[in-house]
PDB file of N, CA and C in Angstrom:
ATOM      1  N   UNK A   1      -7.179   1.492 -21.514  1.00  0.00           N
ATOM      2  CA  UNK A   1      -7.992   0.968 -20.441  1.00  0.00           C
ATOM      3  C   UNK A   1      -7.203  -0.079 -19.669  1.00  0.00           C
ATOM      4  N   UNK A   2      -7.477  -0.142 -18.363  1.00  0.00           N
ATOM      5  CA  UNK A   2      -6.859  -1.170 -17.541  1.00  0.00           C
ATOM      6  C   UNK A   2      -7.303  -2.532 -18.066  1.00  0.00           C
ATOM      7  N   UNK A   3      -6.332  -3.421 -18.184  1.00  0.00           N
ATOM      8  CA  UNK A   3      -6.584  -4.707 -18.832  1.00  0.00           C
ATOM      9  C   UNK A   3      -5.816  -5.806 -18.111  1.00  0.00           C
ATOM     10  N   UNK A   4      -6.408  -6.988 -18.059  1.00  0.00           N
ATOM     11  CA  UNK A   4      -5.668  -8.167 -17.632  1.00  0.00           C
ATOM     12  C   UNK A   4      -6.007  -9.295 -18.589  1.00  0.00           C
ATOM     13  N   UNK A   5      -5.243 -10.350 -18.529  1.00  0.00           N
ATOM     14  CA  UNK A   5      -5.470 -11.489 -19.411  1.00  0.00           C
ATOM     15  C   UNK A   5      -5.814 -12.704 -18.570  1.00  0.00           C
ATOM     16  N   UNK A   6      -6.856 -13.419 -18.966  1.00  0.00           N
ATOM     17  CA  UNK A   6      -7.265 -14.654 -18.295  1.00  0.00           C
ATOM     18  C   UNK A   6      -7.341 -15.735 -19.354  1.00  0.00           C
ATOM     19  N   UNK A   7      -6.537 -16.768 -19.188  1.00  0.00           N
ATOM     20  CA  UNK A   7      -6.495 -17.865 -20.163  1.00  0.00           C
ATOM     21  C   UNK A   7      -6.250 -17.343 -21.580  1.00  0.00           C
ATOM     22  N   UNK A   8      -5.297 -16.417 -21.699  1.00  0.00           N
ATOM     23  CA  UNK A   8      -4.905 -15.817 -22.977  1.00  0.00           C
ATOM     24  C   UNK A   8      -5.992 -14.963 -23.625  1.00  0.00           C
ATOM     25  N   UNK A   9      -7.008 -14.564 -22.848  1.00  0.00           N
ATOM     26  CA  UNK A   9      -8.080 -13.702 -23.363  1.00  0.00           C
ATOM     27  C   UNK A   9      -7.997 -12.351 -22.658  1.00  0.00           C
ATOM     28  N   UNK A  10      -7.969 -11.279 -23.451  1.00  0.00           N
ATOM     29  CA  UNK A  10      -7.900  -9.927 -22.905  1.00  0.00           C
ATOM     30  C   UNK A  10      -9.224  -9.557 -22.242  1.00  0.00           C
ATOM     31  N   UNK A  11      -9.141  -9.039 -21.001  1.00  0.00           N
ATOM     32  CA  UNK A  11     -10.318  -8.565 -20.277  1.00  0.00           C
ATOM     33  C   UNK A  11     -10.079  -7.104 -19.923  1.00  0.00           C
ATOM     34  N   UNK A  12     -10.913  -6.222 -20.442  1.00  0.00           N
ATOM     35  CA  UNK A  12     -10.791  -4.789 -20.151  1.00  0.00           C
ATOM     36  C   UNK A  12     -11.678  -4.429 -18.978  1.00  0.00           C
ATOM     37  N   UNK A  13     -11.111  -3.676 -18.046  1.00  0.00           N
ATOM     38  CA  UNK A  13     -11.854  -3.256 -16.868  1.00  0.00           C
ATOM     39  C   UNK A  13     -12.577  -1.942 -17.159  1.00  0.00           C
ATOM     40  N   UNK A  14     -13.817  -1.784 -16.669  1.00  0.00           N
ATOM     41  CA  UNK A  14     -14.589  -0.574 -16.948  1.00  0.00           C
ATOM     42  C   UNK A  14     -14.038   0.638 -16.201  1.00  0.00           C
ATOM     43  N   UNK A  15     -14.437   1.819 -16.645  1.00  0.00           N
ATOM     44  CA  UNK A  15     -14.005   3.069 -16.041  1.00  0.00           C
ATOM     45  C   UNK A  15     -15.208   3.930 -15.714  1.00  0.00           C
ATOM     46  N   UNK A  16     -15.067   4.751 -14.666  1.00  0.00           N
ATOM     47  CA  UNK A  16     -16.127   5.687 -14.287  1.00  0.00           C
ATOM     48  C   UNK A  16     -16.161   6.905 -15.207  1.00  0.00           C
ATOM     49  N   UNK A  17     -15.097   7.130 -15.962  1.00  0.00           N
ATOM     50  CA  UNK A  17     -15.089   8.258 -16.892  1.00  0.00           C
ATOM     51  C   UNK A  17     -16.048   7.941 -18.025  1.00  0.00           C
ATOM     52  N   UNK A  18     -17.017   8.812 -18.217  1.00  0.00           N
ATOM     53  CA  UNK A  18     -18.088   8.525 -19.168  1.00  0.00           C
ATOM     54  C   UNK A  18     -17.740   8.851 -20.606  1.00  0.00           C
ATOM     55  N   UNK A  19     -16.643   9.558 -20.830  1.00  0.00           N
ATOM     56  CA  UNK A  19     -16.246   9.897 -22.192  1.00  0.00           C
ATOM     57  C   UNK A  19     -14.823   9.403 -22.446  1.00  0.00           C
ATOM     58  N   UNK A  20     -14.666   8.117 -22.793  1.00  0.00           N
ATOM     59  CA  UNK A  20     -13.314   7.585 -22.997  1.00  0.00           C
ATOM     60  C   UNK A  20     -12.614   8.135 -24.231  1.00  0.00           C
ATOM     61  N   UNK A  21     -13.285   8.977 -25.011  1.00  0.00           N
ATOM     62  CA  UNK A  21     -12.644   9.588 -26.165  1.00  0.00           C
ATOM     63  C   UNK A  21     -11.851  10.834 -25.789  1.00  0.00           C
ATOM     64  N   UNK A  22     -11.840  11.188 -24.511  1.00  0.00           N
ATOM     65  CA  UNK A  22     -11.067  12.330 -24.068  1.00  0.00           C
ATOM     66  C   UNK A  22      -9.599  12.124 -24.413  1.00  0.00           C
ATOM     67  N   UNK A  23      -8.946  13.168 -24.824  1.00  0.00           N
ATOM     68  CA  UNK A  23      -7.523  13.091 -25.120  1.00  0.00           C
ATOM     69  C   UNK A  23      -6.777  12.822 -23.814  1.00  0.00           C
ATOM     70  N   UNK A  24      -5.828  11.918 -23.854  1.00  0.00           N
ATOM     71  CA  UNK A  24      -4.981  11.564 -22.714  1.00  0.00           C
ATOM     72  C   UNK A  24      -5.713  10.805 -21.616  1.00  0.00           C
ATOM     73  N   UNK A  25      -6.925  10.310 -21.857  1.00  0.00           N
ATOM     74  CA  UNK A  25      -7.599   9.465 -20.881  1.00  0.00           C
ATOM     75  C   UNK A  25      -6.956   8.088 -20.880  1.00  0.00           C
ATOM     76  N   UNK A  26      -6.758   7.533 -19.691  1.00  0.00           N
ATOM     77  CA  UNK A  26      -6.334   6.141 -19.596  1.00  0.00           C
ATOM     78  C   UNK A  26      -6.659   5.607 -18.213  1.00  0.00           C
ATOM     79  N   UNK A  27      -6.680   4.310 -18.090  1.00  0.00           N
ATOM     80  CA  UNK A  27      -6.733   3.662 -16.788  1.00  0.00           C
ATOM     81  C   UNK A  27      -5.608   2.637 -16.757  1.00  0.00           C
ATOM     82  N   UNK A  28      -5.227   2.256 -15.551  1.00  0.00           N
ATOM     83  CA  UNK A  28      -4.042   1.420 -15.413  1.00  0.00           C
ATOM     84  C   UNK A  28      -4.231   0.458 -14.248  1.00  0.00           C
ATOM     85  N   UNK A  29      -3.939  -0.816 -14.472  1.00  0.00           N
ATOM     86  CA  UNK A  29      -3.953  -1.827 -13.413  1.00  0.00           C
ATOM     87  C   UNK A  29      -2.547  -1.964 -12.858  1.00  0.00           C
ATOM     88  N   UNK A  30      -2.412  -1.913 -11.511  1.00  0.00           N
ATOM     89  CA  UNK A  30      -1.087  -1.933 -10.887  1.00  0.00           C
ATOM     90  C   UNK A  30      -0.801  -3.177 -10.061  1.00  0.00           C
ATOM     91  N   UNK A  31      -1.830  -3.841  -9.543  1.00  0.00           N
ATOM     92  CA  UNK A  31      -1.629  -4.999  -8.682  1.00  0.00           C
ATOM     93  C   UNK A  31      -2.925  -5.797  -8.662  1.00  0.00           C
ATOM     94  N   UNK A  32      -2.850  -7.084  -8.308  1.00  0.00           N
ATOM     95  CA  UNK A  32      -4.073  -7.871  -8.221  1.00  0.00           C
ATOM     96  C   UNK A  32      -3.970  -8.925  -7.129  1.00  0.00           C
ATOM     97  N   UNK A  33      -5.146  -9.391  -6.663  1.00  0.00           N
ATOM     98  CA  UNK A  33      -5.243 -10.449  -5.660  1.00  0.00           C
ATOM     99  C   UNK A  33      -6.414 -11.347  -6.053  1.00  0.00           C
ATOM    100  N   UNK A  34      -6.206 -12.641  -5.997  1.00  0.00           N
ATOM    101  CA  UNK A  34      -7.282 -13.619  -6.164  1.00  0.00           C
ATOM    102  C   UNK A  34      -7.477 -14.277  -4.809  1.00  0.00           C
ATOM    103  N   UNK A  35      -8.689 -14.170  -4.233  1.00  0.00           N
ATOM    104  CA  UNK A  35      -8.933 -14.706  -2.899  1.00  0.00           C
ATOM    105  C   UNK A  35      -9.351 -16.172  -2.966  1.00  0.00           C
ATOM    106  N   UNK A  36      -9.380 -16.809  -1.812  1.00  0.00           N
ATOM    107  CA  UNK A  36      -9.783 -18.209  -1.753  1.00  0.00           C
ATOM    108  C   UNK A  36     -11.255 -18.389  -2.113  1.00  0.00           C
ATOM    109  N   UNK A  37     -12.039 -17.312  -2.038  1.00  0.00           N
ATOM    110  CA  UNK A  37     -13.447 -17.343  -2.460  1.00  0.00           C
ATOM    111  C   UNK A  37     -13.603 -17.017  -3.942  1.00  0.00           C
ATOM    112  N   UNK A  38     -12.483 -16.960  -4.665  1.00  0.00           N
ATOM    113  CA  UNK A  38     -12.448 -16.647  -6.097  1.00  0.00           C
ATOM    114  C   UNK A  38     -12.905 -15.229  -6.425  1.00  0.00           C
ATOM    115  N   UNK A  39     -12.802 -14.311  -5.455  1.00  0.00           N
ATOM    116  CA  UNK A  39     -13.002 -12.897  -5.765  1.00  0.00           C
ATOM    117  C   UNK A  39     -11.690 -12.368  -6.332  1.00  0.00           C
ATOM    118  N   UNK A  40     -11.793 -11.556  -7.366  1.00  0.00           N
ATOM    119  CA  UNK A  40     -10.627 -11.033  -8.067  1.00  0.00           C
ATOM    120  C   UNK A  40     -10.585  -9.524  -7.881  1.00  0.00           C
ATOM    121  N   UNK A  41      -9.546  -9.022  -7.231  1.00  0.00           N
ATOM    122  CA  UNK A  41      -9.371  -7.601  -6.959  1.00  0.00           C
ATOM    123  C   UNK A  41      -8.193  -7.074  -7.767  1.00  0.00           C
ATOM    124  N   UNK A  42      -8.364  -5.884  -8.336  1.00  0.00           N
ATOM    125  CA  UNK A  42      -7.298  -5.219  -9.079  1.00  0.00           C
ATOM    126  C   UNK A  42      -7.192  -3.783  -8.568  1.00  0.00           C
ATOM    127  N   UNK A  43      -6.012  -3.372  -8.155  1.00  0.00           N
ATOM    128  CA  UNK A  43      -5.773  -1.988  -7.745  1.00  0.00           C
ATOM    129  C   UNK A  43      -5.261  -1.210  -8.937  1.00  0.00           C
ATOM    130  N   UNK A  44      -5.681   0.055  -9.034  1.00  0.00           N
ATOM    131  CA  UNK A  44      -5.193   0.852 -10.149  1.00  0.00           C
ATOM    132  C   UNK A  44      -5.641   2.290 -10.099  1.00  0.00           C
ATOM    133  N   UNK A  45      -5.612   2.899 -11.249  1.00  0.00           N
ATOM    134  CA  UNK A  45      -5.968   4.313 -11.376  1.00  0.00           C
ATOM    135  C   UNK A  45      -6.739   4.536 -12.670  1.00  0.00           C
ATOM    136  N   UNK A  46      -7.387   5.684 -12.737  1.00  0.00           N
ATOM    137  CA  UNK A  46      -7.823   6.226 -14.018  1.00  0.00           C
ATOM    138  C   UNK A  46      -7.342   7.662 -14.062  1.00  0.00           C
ATOM    139  N   UNK A  47      -7.087   8.150 -15.239  1.00  0.00           N
ATOM    140  CA  UNK A  47      -6.504   9.479 -15.393  1.00  0.00           C
ATOM    141  C   UNK A  47      -7.255  10.269 -16.448  1.00  0.00           C
ATOM    142  N   UNK A  48      -7.309  11.572 -16.232  1.00  0.00           N
ATOM    143  CA  UNK A  48      -7.988  12.454 -17.178  1.00  0.00           C
ATOM    144  C   UNK A  48      -7.008  13.236 -18.040  1.00  0.00           C
ATOM    145  N   UNK A  49      -5.745  12.856 -17.988  1.00  0.00           N
ATOM    146  CA  UNK A  49      -4.734  13.546 -18.777  1.00  0.00           C
ATOM    147  C   UNK A  49      -3.923  14.536 -17.974  1.00  0.00           C
ATOM    148  N   UNK A  50      -4.428  14.926 -16.812  1.00  0.00           N
ATOM    149  CA  UNK A  50      -3.738  15.899 -15.972  1.00  0.00           C
ATOM    150  C   UNK A  50      -3.373  15.325 -14.610  1.00  0.00           C
ATOM    151  N   UNK A  51      -4.194  14.448 -14.079  1.00  0.00           N
ATOM    152  CA  UNK A  51      -3.939  13.841 -12.777  1.00  0.00           C
ATOM    153  C   UNK A  51      -4.650  12.496 -12.693  1.00  0.00           C
ATOM    154  N   UNK A  52      -4.404  11.767 -11.597  1.00  0.00           N
ATOM    155  CA  UNK A  52      -4.926  10.415 -11.474  1.00  0.00           C
ATOM    156  C   UNK A  52      -5.888  10.292 -10.291  1.00  0.00           C
ATOM    157  N   UNK A  53      -6.731   9.262 -10.363  1.00  0.00           N
ATOM    158  CA  UNK A  53      -7.699   8.975  -9.302  1.00  0.00           C
ATOM    159  C   UNK A  53      -7.589   7.494  -8.944  1.00  0.00           C
ATOM    160  N   UNK A  54      -7.402   7.198  -7.654  1.00  0.00           N
ATOM    161  CA  UNK A  54      -7.246   5.819  -7.192  1.00  0.00           C
ATOM    162  C   UNK A  54      -8.577   5.068  -7.263  1.00  0.00           C
ATOM    163  N   UNK A  55      -8.478   3.791  -7.618  1.00  0.00           N
ATOM    164  CA  UNK A  55      -9.656   2.944  -7.656  1.00  0.00           C
ATOM    165  C   UNK A  55      -9.217   1.492  -7.530  1.00  0.00           C
ATOM    166  N   UNK A  56     -10.193   0.618  -7.370  1.00  0.00           N
ATOM    167  CA  UNK A  56      -9.932  -0.802  -7.515  1.00  0.00           C
ATOM    168  C   UNK A  56     -11.136  -1.435  -8.169  1.00  0.00           C
ATOM    169  N   UNK A  57     -10.950  -2.611  -8.679  1.00  0.00           N
ATOM    170  CA  UNK A  57     -12.025  -3.367  -9.296  1.00  0.00           C
ATOM    171  C   UNK A  57     -12.190  -4.660  -8.519  1.00  0.00           C
ATOM    172  N   UNK A  58     -13.424  -5.011  -8.197  1.00  0.00           N
ATOM    173  CA  UNK A  58     -13.719  -6.306  -7.579  1.00  0.00           C
ATOM    174  C   UNK A  58     -14.576  -7.079  -8.563  1.00  0.00           C
ATOM    175  N   UNK A  59     -14.038  -8.184  -9.026  1.00  0.00           N
ATOM    176  CA  UNK A  59     -14.744  -9.022 -10.003  1.00  0.00           C
ATOM    177  C   UNK A  59     -15.235  -8.211 -11.197  1.00  0.00           C
ATOM    178  N   UNK A  60     -14.408  -7.246 -11.631  1.00  0.00           N
ATOM    179  CA  UNK A  60     -14.716  -6.468 -12.825  1.00  0.00           C
ATOM    180  C   UNK A  60     -15.524  -5.205 -12.592  1.00  0.00           C
ATOM    181  N   UNK A  61     -15.991  -4.955 -11.368  1.00  0.00           N
ATOM    182  CA  UNK A  61     -16.758  -3.741 -11.073  1.00  0.00           C
ATOM    183  C   UNK A  61     -15.847  -2.719 -10.407  1.00  0.00           C
ATOM    184  N   UNK A  62     -15.794  -1.513 -10.977  1.00  0.00           N
ATOM    185  CA  UNK A  62     -14.906  -0.474 -10.467  1.00  0.00           C
ATOM    186  C   UNK A  62     -15.464   0.182  -9.212  1.00  0.00           C
ATOM    187  N   UNK A  63     -14.594   0.387  -8.228  1.00  0.00           N
ATOM    188  CA  UNK A  63     -14.922   1.115  -7.009  1.00  0.00           C
ATOM    189  C   UNK A  63     -13.918   2.256  -6.892  1.00  0.00           C
ATOM    190  N   UNK A  64     -14.417   3.487  -6.911  1.00  0.00           N
ATOM    191  CA  UNK A  64     -13.543   4.658  -6.769  1.00  0.00           C
ATOM    192  C   UNK A  64     -13.187   4.849  -5.305  1.00  0.00           C
ATOM    193  N   UNK A  65     -11.920   5.113  -5.019  1.00  0.00           N
ATOM    194  CA  UNK A  65     -11.482   5.357  -3.653  1.00  0.00           C
ATOM    195  C   UNK A  65     -11.567   6.830  -3.285  1.00  0.00           C
ATOM    196  N   UNK A  66     -11.768   7.676  -4.261  1.00  0.00           N
ATOM    197  CA  UNK A  66     -11.928   9.108  -4.041  1.00  0.00           C
ATOM    198  C   UNK A  66     -12.661   9.690  -5.239  1.00  0.00           C
ATOM    199  N   UNK A  67     -13.257  10.847  -5.063  1.00  0.00           N
ATOM    200  CA  UNK A  67     -13.903  11.514  -6.195  1.00  0.00           C
ATOM    201  C   UNK A  67     -12.990  12.556  -6.827  1.00  0.00           C
ATOM    202  N   UNK A  68     -11.870  12.844  -6.180  1.00  0.00           N
ATOM    203  CA  UNK A  68     -10.931  13.844  -6.690  1.00  0.00           C
ATOM    204  C   UNK A  68      -9.812  13.177  -7.478  1.00  0.00           C
ATOM    205  N   UNK A  69      -9.319  13.854  -8.469  1.00  0.00           N
ATOM    206  CA  UNK A  69      -8.195  13.363  -9.268  1.00  0.00           C
ATOM    207  C   UNK A  69      -6.881  13.779  -8.614  1.00  0.00           C
ATOM    208  N   UNK A  70      -6.599  13.220  -7.451  1.00  0.00           N
ATOM    209  CA  UNK A  70      -5.360  13.561  -6.748  1.00  0.00           C
ATOM    210  C   UNK A  70      -4.763  12.351  -6.038  1.00  0.00           C
ATOM    211  N   UNK A  71      -5.054  11.150  -6.496  1.00  0.00           N
ATOM    212  CA  UNK A  71      -4.619   9.963  -5.751  1.00  0.00           C
ATOM    213  C   UNK A  71      -4.120   8.874  -6.691  1.00  0.00           C
ATOM    214  N   UNK A  72      -3.500   7.845  -6.085  1.00  0.00           N
ATOM    215  CA  UNK A  72      -2.889   6.771  -6.854  1.00  0.00           C
ATOM    216  C   UNK A  72      -2.928   5.503  -6.011  1.00  0.00           C
ATOM    217  N   UNK A  73      -3.327   4.375  -6.576  1.00  0.00           N
ATOM    218  CA  UNK A  73      -3.291   3.081  -5.882  1.00  0.00           C
ATOM    219  C   UNK A  73      -2.264   2.191  -6.570  1.00  0.00           C
ATOM    220  N   UNK A  74      -1.273   1.755  -5.816  1.00  0.00           N
ATOM    221  CA  UNK A  74      -0.218   0.940  -6.414  1.00  0.00           C
ATOM    222  C   UNK A  74      -0.234  -0.504  -5.932  1.00  0.00           C
ATOM    223  N   UNK A  75      -1.086  -0.827  -4.966  1.00  0.00           N
ATOM    224  CA  UNK A  75      -1.160  -2.190  -4.467  1.00  0.00           C
ATOM    225  C   UNK A  75      -2.479  -2.437  -3.760  1.00  0.00           C
ATOM    226  N   UNK A  76      -2.762  -3.701  -3.487  1.00  0.00           N
ATOM    227  CA  UNK A  76      -4.000  -4.058  -2.808  1.00  0.00           C
ATOM    228  C   UNK A  76      -3.766  -5.284  -1.932  1.00  0.00           C
ATOM    229  N   UNK A  77      -4.401  -5.294  -0.762  1.00  0.00           N
ATOM    230  CA  UNK A  77      -4.380  -6.435   0.147  1.00  0.00           C
ATOM    231  C   UNK A  77      -5.812  -6.709   0.573  1.00  0.00           C
ATOM    232  N   UNK A  78      -6.189  -7.959   0.569  1.00  0.00           N
ATOM    233  CA  UNK A  78      -7.535  -8.355   0.955  1.00  0.00           C
ATOM    234  C   UNK A  78      -7.410  -9.311   2.146  1.00  0.00           C
ATOM    235  N   UNK A  79      -8.133  -9.020   3.221  1.00  0.00           N
ATOM    236  CA  UNK A  79      -8.149  -9.880   4.400  1.00  0.00           C
ATOM    237  C   UNK A  79      -9.534 -10.505   4.489  1.00  0.00           C
ATOM    238  N   UNK A  80      -9.563 -11.835   4.512  1.00  0.00           N
ATOM    239  CA  UNK A  80     -10.855 -12.525   4.590  1.00  0.00           C
ATOM    240  C   UNK A  80     -11.071 -13.075   5.980  1.00  0.00           C
TER     241      UNK A  80
END
Protein backbone atom coordinates (compact mmCIF):
# COMPACT_ATOMS: atom_id res chain seq x y z
CA UNK A 1 0.00 0.00 0.00
CA UNK A 2 1.07 3.56 -0.64
CA UNK A 3 2.59 4.84 2.57
CA UNK A 4 4.18 7.96 3.98
CA UNK A 5 5.67 8.73 7.36
CA UNK A 6 4.65 11.67 9.56
CA UNK A 7 6.66 12.29 12.71
CA UNK A 8 8.14 8.78 12.43
CA UNK A 9 4.65 7.21 12.26
CA UNK A 10 3.66 5.12 9.23
CA UNK A 11 0.47 6.32 7.49
CA UNK A 12 -1.06 4.00 4.89
CA UNK A 13 -3.16 5.56 2.16
CA UNK A 14 -6.46 3.84 1.25
CA UNK A 15 -7.13 2.18 -2.10
CA UNK A 16 -10.21 1.89 -4.30
CA UNK A 17 -9.43 -1.78 -4.90
CA UNK A 18 -11.86 -3.62 -2.65
CA UNK A 19 -9.90 -6.86 -2.42
CA UNK A 20 -6.33 -6.07 -1.30
CA UNK A 21 -5.62 -9.80 -1.03
CA UNK A 22 -5.35 -10.00 -4.80
CA UNK A 23 -2.02 -11.39 -5.93
CA UNK A 24 0.30 -8.64 -7.20
CA UNK A 25 -1.94 -5.81 -5.92
CA UNK A 26 -0.08 -2.73 -4.77
CA UNK A 27 -0.32 1.03 -4.59
CA UNK A 28 2.55 3.45 -4.76
CA UNK A 29 3.14 7.07 -3.70
CA UNK A 30 5.34 8.99 -6.17
CA UNK A 31 5.25 12.66 -5.14
CA UNK A 32 3.67 14.93 -2.53
CA UNK A 33 2.78 18.58 -1.86
CA UNK A 34 1.87 20.29 1.42
CA UNK A 35 -0.04 23.53 0.77
CA UNK A 36 -0.08 26.68 2.85
CA UNK A 37 -3.62 25.68 3.94
CA UNK A 38 -2.14 22.43 5.32
CA UNK A 39 -3.78 20.28 2.64
CA UNK A 40 -1.61 17.26 1.90
CA UNK A 41 -1.63 15.86 -1.66
CA UNK A 42 0.08 12.65 -2.78
CA UNK A 43 0.32 11.55 -6.42
CA UNK A 44 0.56 7.87 -7.18
CA UNK A 45 -0.89 4.73 -8.62
CA UNK A 46 -2.63 1.53 -7.72
CA UNK A 47 -2.03 -1.65 -9.66
CA UNK A 48 -3.90 -4.89 -10.17
CA UNK A 49 -0.83 -6.91 -11.10
CA UNK A 50 -1.13 -6.30 -14.83
CA UNK A 51 -1.39 -2.53 -15.25
CA UNK A 52 -1.62 0.70 -13.26
CA UNK A 53 -4.25 3.36 -12.60
CA UNK A 54 -3.37 6.99 -11.80
CA UNK A 55 -4.72 8.55 -8.64
CA UNK A 56 -3.96 11.08 -5.96
CA UNK A 57 -4.83 11.42 -2.32
CA UNK A 58 -5.94 14.67 -0.69
CA UNK A 59 -5.64 14.60 3.08
CA UNK A 60 -5.76 10.79 2.97
CA UNK A 61 -8.80 10.43 0.67
CA UNK A 62 -8.11 8.75 -2.67
CA UNK A 63 -9.28 10.37 -5.91
CA UNK A 64 -9.03 8.24 -9.05
CA UNK A 65 -7.93 10.11 -12.17
CA UNK A 66 -9.33 7.42 -14.45
CA UNK A 67 -11.42 4.27 -14.16
CA UNK A 68 -9.19 2.31 -16.54
CA UNK A 69 -5.96 0.58 -15.58
CA UNK A 70 -3.87 2.30 -18.24
CA UNK A 71 -2.37 5.36 -16.54
CA UNK A 72 0.38 6.52 -14.20
CA UNK A 73 0.84 9.65 -12.03
CA UNK A 74 4.44 10.54 -11.25
CA UNK A 75 4.04 14.07 -9.88
CA UNK A 76 1.56 16.62 -8.58
CA UNK A 77 1.28 20.42 -8.56
CA UNK A 78 -1.31 22.35 -6.59
CA UNK A 79 -2.16 25.99 -7.40
CA UNK A 80 -3.98 27.91 -4.69
